[in-house]
Amino acid sequence: MTLIDLYRIAAEARGLAAHELPLAERAALRDRALPVMWPGYQVPAGTERAEDPVEIVAYDPAWPARFQSWRGRLAGALGEAAMRIQHVGSTAVPDLPAKPVIDVLVSVLDLDLEGSYVPAIESLGIQFRSRDDLHRYFRPFSGLPRDVQVHVCVAGTNWERRHLLFRDYLRTDESARDAYLAAKLEAARRWRDDRIAYADAKTEVIVRLMQRAESWAVETGWRARRSLPPPGPGLRSPRPPQTPARVRRGSSAPR
């Protein structure tokens, strides 16, 4: 069951469509449901900010340069704590319209050692917003433009692999980009005021495209681990890949 399924159950009893459920009621359902849907999910107190509406804009050729700028700042702040800093999400796919927010994936050795990366990322104005068993999520502090978001995961895990595979597959397959764009536009139309529901609404098409991406990975020999840099001085080698016992919808699907 997805978050939108819960919205629908609550809305139908009142003769409403899921997206017509008042936002405050959706937020209350979300706060109760996410810790169950995403094991380990927690939101630190005092990290709220006003919801920015979901807006899909034309691809901007400046996005790669914006990522490189953030990559440099993150690399400087994190030092050896960052095993890999990658551009993921739709802004990493040429010609794909997207929300004008750069998604950055930072891979570390140990997700639980938050002291090794949380203060460094927050020093750049990007606030630690949530944690779950598979990753940590950061977005700009309230009052700053929402132009970047950072996802931290463990190097070599399935969470990391899926996001890199989805990005690389979309870069190579025009029909996959078209299908994903159609899902994004419809999700943005219906869930403009609810970013988590917007992401949830894309789950079905992402699952379908990930099946195609896995076949493409086998056919082409694609391997995420090939692009892992060797450990720097004083660093241990990455942990072996950790595959969850089951895929949880929403928790492991690319955003």
Protein backbone atom coordinates (compact mmCIF):
# COMPACT_ATOMS: atom_id res chain seq x y z
CA MET A 1 0.00 0.00 0.00
CA THR A 2 1.30 3.43 -0.93
CA LEU A 3 0.76 6.74 0.81
CA ILE A 4 -1.67 7.73 -1.92
CA ASP A 5 -3.67 4.56 -1.23
CA LEU A 6 -4.08 5.76 2.36
CA TYR A 7 -5.17 9.20 1.15
CA ARG A 8 -7.71 7.51 -1.12
CA ILE A 9 -9.20 5.40 1.67
CA ALA A 10 -9.65 8.45 3.88
CA ALA A 11 -11.02 10.56 1.03
CA GLU A 12 -13.50 8.08 -0.43
CA ALA A 13 -15.45 7.89 2.82
CA ARG A 14 -16.27 11.57 2.27
CA GLY A 15 -16.88 11.39 -1.46
CA LEU A 16 -13.55 13.02 -2.32
CA ALA A 17 -10.69 12.08 -4.62
CA ALA A 18 -7.36 11.38 -2.90
CA HIS A 19 -5.82 14.70 -3.97
CA GLU A 20 -8.90 16.58 -2.71
CA LEU A 21 -8.25 15.51 0.88
CA PRO A 22 -7.24 18.67 2.79
CA LEU A 23 -3.49 19.10 3.00
CA ALA A 24 -3.47 19.17 6.80
CA GLU A 25 -5.21 15.79 6.90
CA ARG A 26 -2.78 14.37 4.37
CA ALA A 27 0.12 15.61 6.49
CA ALA A 28 -1.30 13.90 9.58
CA LEU A 29 -1.69 10.63 7.68
CA ARG A 30 1.82 10.97 6.28
CA ASP A 31 3.34 11.51 9.72
CA ARG A 32 1.72 8.30 10.98
CA ALA A 33 2.37 6.19 7.88
CA LEU A 34 5.97 6.93 6.89
CA PRO A 35 7.61 5.32 9.95
CA VAL A 36 5.77 2.11 9.01
CA MET A 37 6.41 2.33 5.26
CA TRP A 38 10.07 3.34 5.61
CA PRO A 39 11.60 1.41 8.55
CA GLY A 40 13.69 3.63 10.80
CA TYR A 41 12.09 6.83 9.47
CA GLN A 42 12.56 9.81 11.78
CA VAL A 43 12.37 13.58 11.36
CA PRO A 44 14.52 15.70 13.70
CA ALA A 45 12.56 18.34 15.60
CA GLY A 46 12.76 21.92 14.35
CA THR A 47 13.47 21.06 10.69
CA GLU A 48 10.18 22.25 9.19
CA ARG A 49 9.99 24.67 6.31
CA ALA A 50 7.13 25.92 4.15
CA GLU A 51 6.23 23.52 1.35
CA ASP A 52 7.34 24.76 -2.05
CA PRO A 53 4.97 23.78 -4.86
CA VAL A 54 6.13 21.08 -7.26
CA GLU A 55 7.12 22.69 -10.54
CA ILE A 56 8.47 20.89 -13.60
CA VAL A 57 10.56 23.10 -15.88
CA ALA A 58 12.41 22.56 -19.15
CA TYR A 59 15.85 21.01 -18.94
CA ASP A 60 18.48 23.62 -18.11
CA PRO A 61 21.97 23.06 -19.62
CA ALA A 62 23.36 24.86 -16.57
CA TRP A 63 22.30 22.05 -14.21
CA PRO A 64 25.51 19.98 -14.62
CA ALA A 65 27.59 23.04 -13.74
CA ARG A 66 25.39 23.69 -10.70
CA PHE A 67 26.02 20.12 -9.60
CA GLN A 68 29.77 20.53 -10.04
CA SER A 69 29.64 23.64 -7.89
CA TRP A 70 27.80 21.77 -5.13
CA ARG A 71 30.09 18.79 -5.57
CA GLY A 72 33.12 20.98 -4.95
CA ARG A 73 31.60 22.51 -1.84
CA LEU A 74 30.52 19.13 -0.47
CA ALA A 75 33.89 17.54 -1.22
CA GLY A 76 35.67 20.36 0.55
CA ALA A 77 33.42 20.11 3.61
CA LEU A 78 33.29 16.31 3.83
CA GLY A 79 36.86 15.42 2.96
CA GLU A 80 37.57 11.70 3.21
CA ALA A 81 34.12 11.00 4.67
CA ALA A 82 32.69 11.05 1.13
CA MET A 83 33.53 7.95 -0.90
CA ARG A 84 31.60 9.21 -3.90
CA ILE A 85 29.62 12.35 -4.79
CA GLN A 86 27.28 11.84 -7.75
CA HIS A 87 24.66 13.80 -9.65
CA VAL A 88 21.41 11.78 -9.65
CA GLY A 89 17.73 12.42 -10.29
CA SER A 90 16.14 14.04 -13.32
CA THR A 91 18.47 17.05 -13.46
CA ALA A 92 21.28 14.56 -14.17
CA VAL A 93 19.56 13.36 -17.37
CA PRO A 94 20.14 15.62 -20.41
CA ASP A 95 16.97 16.95 -22.06
CA LEU A 96 14.66 15.67 -19.32
CA PRO A 97 12.40 18.36 -17.77
CA ALA A 98 12.54 18.32 -13.99
CA LYS A 99 12.05 20.21 -10.77
CA PRO A 100 14.88 22.81 -10.71
CA VAL A 101 16.48 21.09 -7.71
CA ILE A 102 19.88 19.39 -8.01
CA ASP A 103 19.89 15.92 -6.43
CA VAL A 104 23.28 14.97 -5.01
CA LEU A 105 24.09 11.44 -3.84
CA VAL A 106 26.87 11.19 -1.26
CA SER A 107 28.16 7.68 -0.51
CA VAL A 108 29.86 7.03 2.83
CA LEU A 109 31.33 4.05 4.63
CA ASP A 110 29.00 4.02 7.64
CA LEU A 111 25.59 5.66 7.63
CA ASP A 112 25.31 5.51 11.42
CA LEU A 113 28.38 7.72 11.90
CA GLU A 114 26.30 10.86 11.40
CA GLY A 115 28.89 13.02 13.12
CA SER A 116 31.25 12.39 10.21
CA TYR A 117 28.97 14.02 7.64
CA VAL A 118 25.90 15.78 9.14
CA PRO A 119 27.72 18.85 10.56
CA ALA A 120 29.77 19.20 7.37
CA ILE A 121 26.72 19.17 5.09
CA GLU A 122 24.77 21.51 7.37
CA SER A 123 27.70 23.96 7.31
CA LEU A 124 26.78 24.57 3.65
CA GLY A 125 23.21 25.60 4.52
CA ILE A 126 21.69 22.18 3.80
CA GLN A 127 19.68 20.90 6.76
CA PHE A 128 19.43 17.30 7.95
CA ARG A 129 15.73 16.61 7.41
CA SER A 130 15.13 12.86 7.81
CA ARG A 131 16.68 9.46 8.33
CA ASP A 132 15.60 5.89 7.63
CA ASP A 133 17.37 2.55 7.60
CA LEU A 134 18.70 3.04 4.07
CA HIS A 135 19.64 6.71 3.73
CA ARG A 136 19.71 10.23 5.15
CA TYR A 137 18.05 13.21 3.48
CA PHE A 138 19.06 16.90 3.53
CA ARG A 139 17.47 20.02 2.07
CA PRO A 140 18.22 23.77 2.42
CA PHE A 141 17.37 25.44 5.72
CA SER A 142 14.13 27.42 5.87
CA GLY A 143 14.60 30.81 4.24
CA LEU A 144 17.15 29.56 1.69
CA PRO A 145 16.29 28.69 -1.93
CA ARG A 146 15.34 25.06 -2.40
CA ASP A 147 17.81 24.50 -5.23
CA VAL A 148 19.58 21.35 -3.99
CA GLN A 149 18.91 18.25 -1.93
CA VAL A 150 21.43 15.74 -0.67
CA HIS A 151 20.94 12.02 -0.14
CA VAL A 152 23.51 10.07 1.89
CA CYS A 153 23.78 6.29 1.64
CA VAL A 154 26.39 3.57 2.15
CA ALA A 155 28.76 2.94 -0.75
CA GLY A 156 28.06 -0.35 -2.51
CA THR A 157 24.48 -0.80 -1.29
CA ASN A 158 21.45 -1.54 -3.40
CA TRP A 159 20.04 1.91 -2.54
CA GLU A 160 23.06 3.53 -4.19
CA ARG A 161 23.10 1.13 -7.13
CA ARG A 162 19.42 1.64 -8.02
CA HIS A 163 19.72 5.42 -8.17
CA LEU A 164 22.83 5.27 -10.37
CA LEU A 165 21.32 2.60 -12.63
CA PHE A 166 18.06 4.51 -13.07
CA ARG A 167 19.99 7.67 -14.00
CA ASP A 168 22.24 5.91 -16.49
CA TYR A 169 19.37 4.01 -18.10
CA LEU A 170 17.32 7.17 -18.60
CA ARG A 171 20.36 8.80 -20.21
CA THR A 172 20.44 6.08 -22.88
CA ASP A 173 16.76 5.32 -23.59
CA GLU A 174 14.51 8.00 -25.07
CA SER A 175 11.30 5.97 -24.63
CA ALA A 176 12.10 5.53 -20.93
CA ARG A 177 12.63 9.28 -20.59
CA ASP A 178 9.31 9.96 -22.32
CA ALA A 179 7.44 7.51 -20.05
CA TYR A 180 9.04 8.97 -16.95
CA LEU A 181 8.32 12.54 -18.04
CA ALA A 182 4.64 11.72 -18.60
CA ALA A 183 4.43 10.27 -15.09
CA LYS A 184 6.20 13.31 -13.63
CA LEU A 185 3.90 15.80 -15.35
CA GLU A 186 0.76 13.96 -14.24
CA ALA A 187 2.08 13.62 -10.68
CA ALA A 188 2.96 17.33 -10.58
CA ARG A 189 -0.47 18.30 -11.89
CA ARG A 190 -2.29 16.28 -9.23
CA TRP A 191 0.12 16.65 -6.30
CA ARG A 192 1.57 20.13 -6.75
CA ASP A 193 1.15 20.88 -3.03
CA ASP A 194 2.46 17.54 -1.69
CA ARG A 195 6.04 16.59 -2.55
CA ILE A 196 5.97 13.17 -0.92
CA ALA A 197 2.75 12.24 -2.73
CA TYR A 198 4.34 13.54 -5.94
CA ALA A 199 7.22 11.09 -5.46
CA ASP A 200 4.82 8.31 -4.46
CA ALA A 201 2.69 8.83 -7.58
CA LYS A 202 5.69 7.94 -9.77
CA THR A 203 6.31 4.60 -8.07
CA GLU A 204 4.45 2.43 -10.58
CA VAL A 205 6.29 3.78 -13.62
CA ILE A 206 9.63 3.70 -11.78
CA VAL A 207 9.15 0.04 -10.88
CA ARG A 208 8.34 -0.75 -14.51
CA LEU A 209 11.31 1.22 -15.84
CA MET A 210 13.65 -0.32 -13.27
CA GLN A 211 12.74 -3.76 -14.60
CA ARG A 212 13.79 -2.59 -18.04
CA ALA A 213 16.90 -0.98 -16.58
CA GLU A 214 17.94 -4.23 -14.94
CA SER A 215 17.68 -6.02 -18.27
CA TRP A 216 19.69 -3.24 -19.88
CA ALA A 217 22.34 -3.57 -17.17
CA VAL A 218 22.72 -7.29 -17.93
CA GLU A 219 22.86 -6.71 -21.68
CA THR A 220 25.46 -3.96 -21.47
CA GLY A 221 27.48 -5.19 -18.49
CA TRP A 222 26.70 -2.02 -16.55
CA ARG A 223 28.17 -2.05 -13.04
CA ALA A 224 27.88 0.79 -10.53
CA ARG A 225 30.93 -0.45 -8.62
CA ARG A 226 33.20 0.23 -11.58
CA SER A 227 32.99 3.95 -10.88
CA LEU A 228 33.80 3.67 -7.18
CA PRO A 229 37.09 5.49 -6.55
CA PRO A 230 39.83 3.64 -4.67
CA PRO A 231 39.97 4.46 -0.95
CA GLY A 232 42.08 7.49 -0.15
CA PRO A 233 44.73 7.62 2.59
CA GLY A 234 43.39 6.28 5.83
CA LEU A 235 40.14 5.01 4.33
CA ARG A 236 38.86 1.47 4.49
CA SER A 237 37.47 -0.25 1.41
CA PRO A 238 33.71 0.06 0.91
CA ARG A 239 31.45 -2.51 2.51
CA PRO A 240 30.15 -5.22 0.18
CA PRO A 241 26.73 -4.48 -1.32
CA GLN A 242 23.86 -4.78 1.14
CA THR A 243 20.61 -5.87 -0.46
CA PRO A 244 17.44 -5.44 1.64
CA ALA A 245 15.47 -8.61 2.29
CA ARG A 246 12.61 -7.11 0.31
CA VAL A 247 12.06 -4.01 -1.79
CA ARG A 248 9.90 -1.49 0.04
CA ARG A 249 7.90 0.68 -2.30
CA GLY A 250 8.96 4.28 -1.84
CA SER A 251 12.03 3.59 0.29
CA SER A 252 14.27 2.19 -2.42
CA ALA A 253 12.81 3.59 -5.62
CA PRO A 254 14.68 6.50 -7.21
CA ARG A 255 13.11 9.86 -6.50
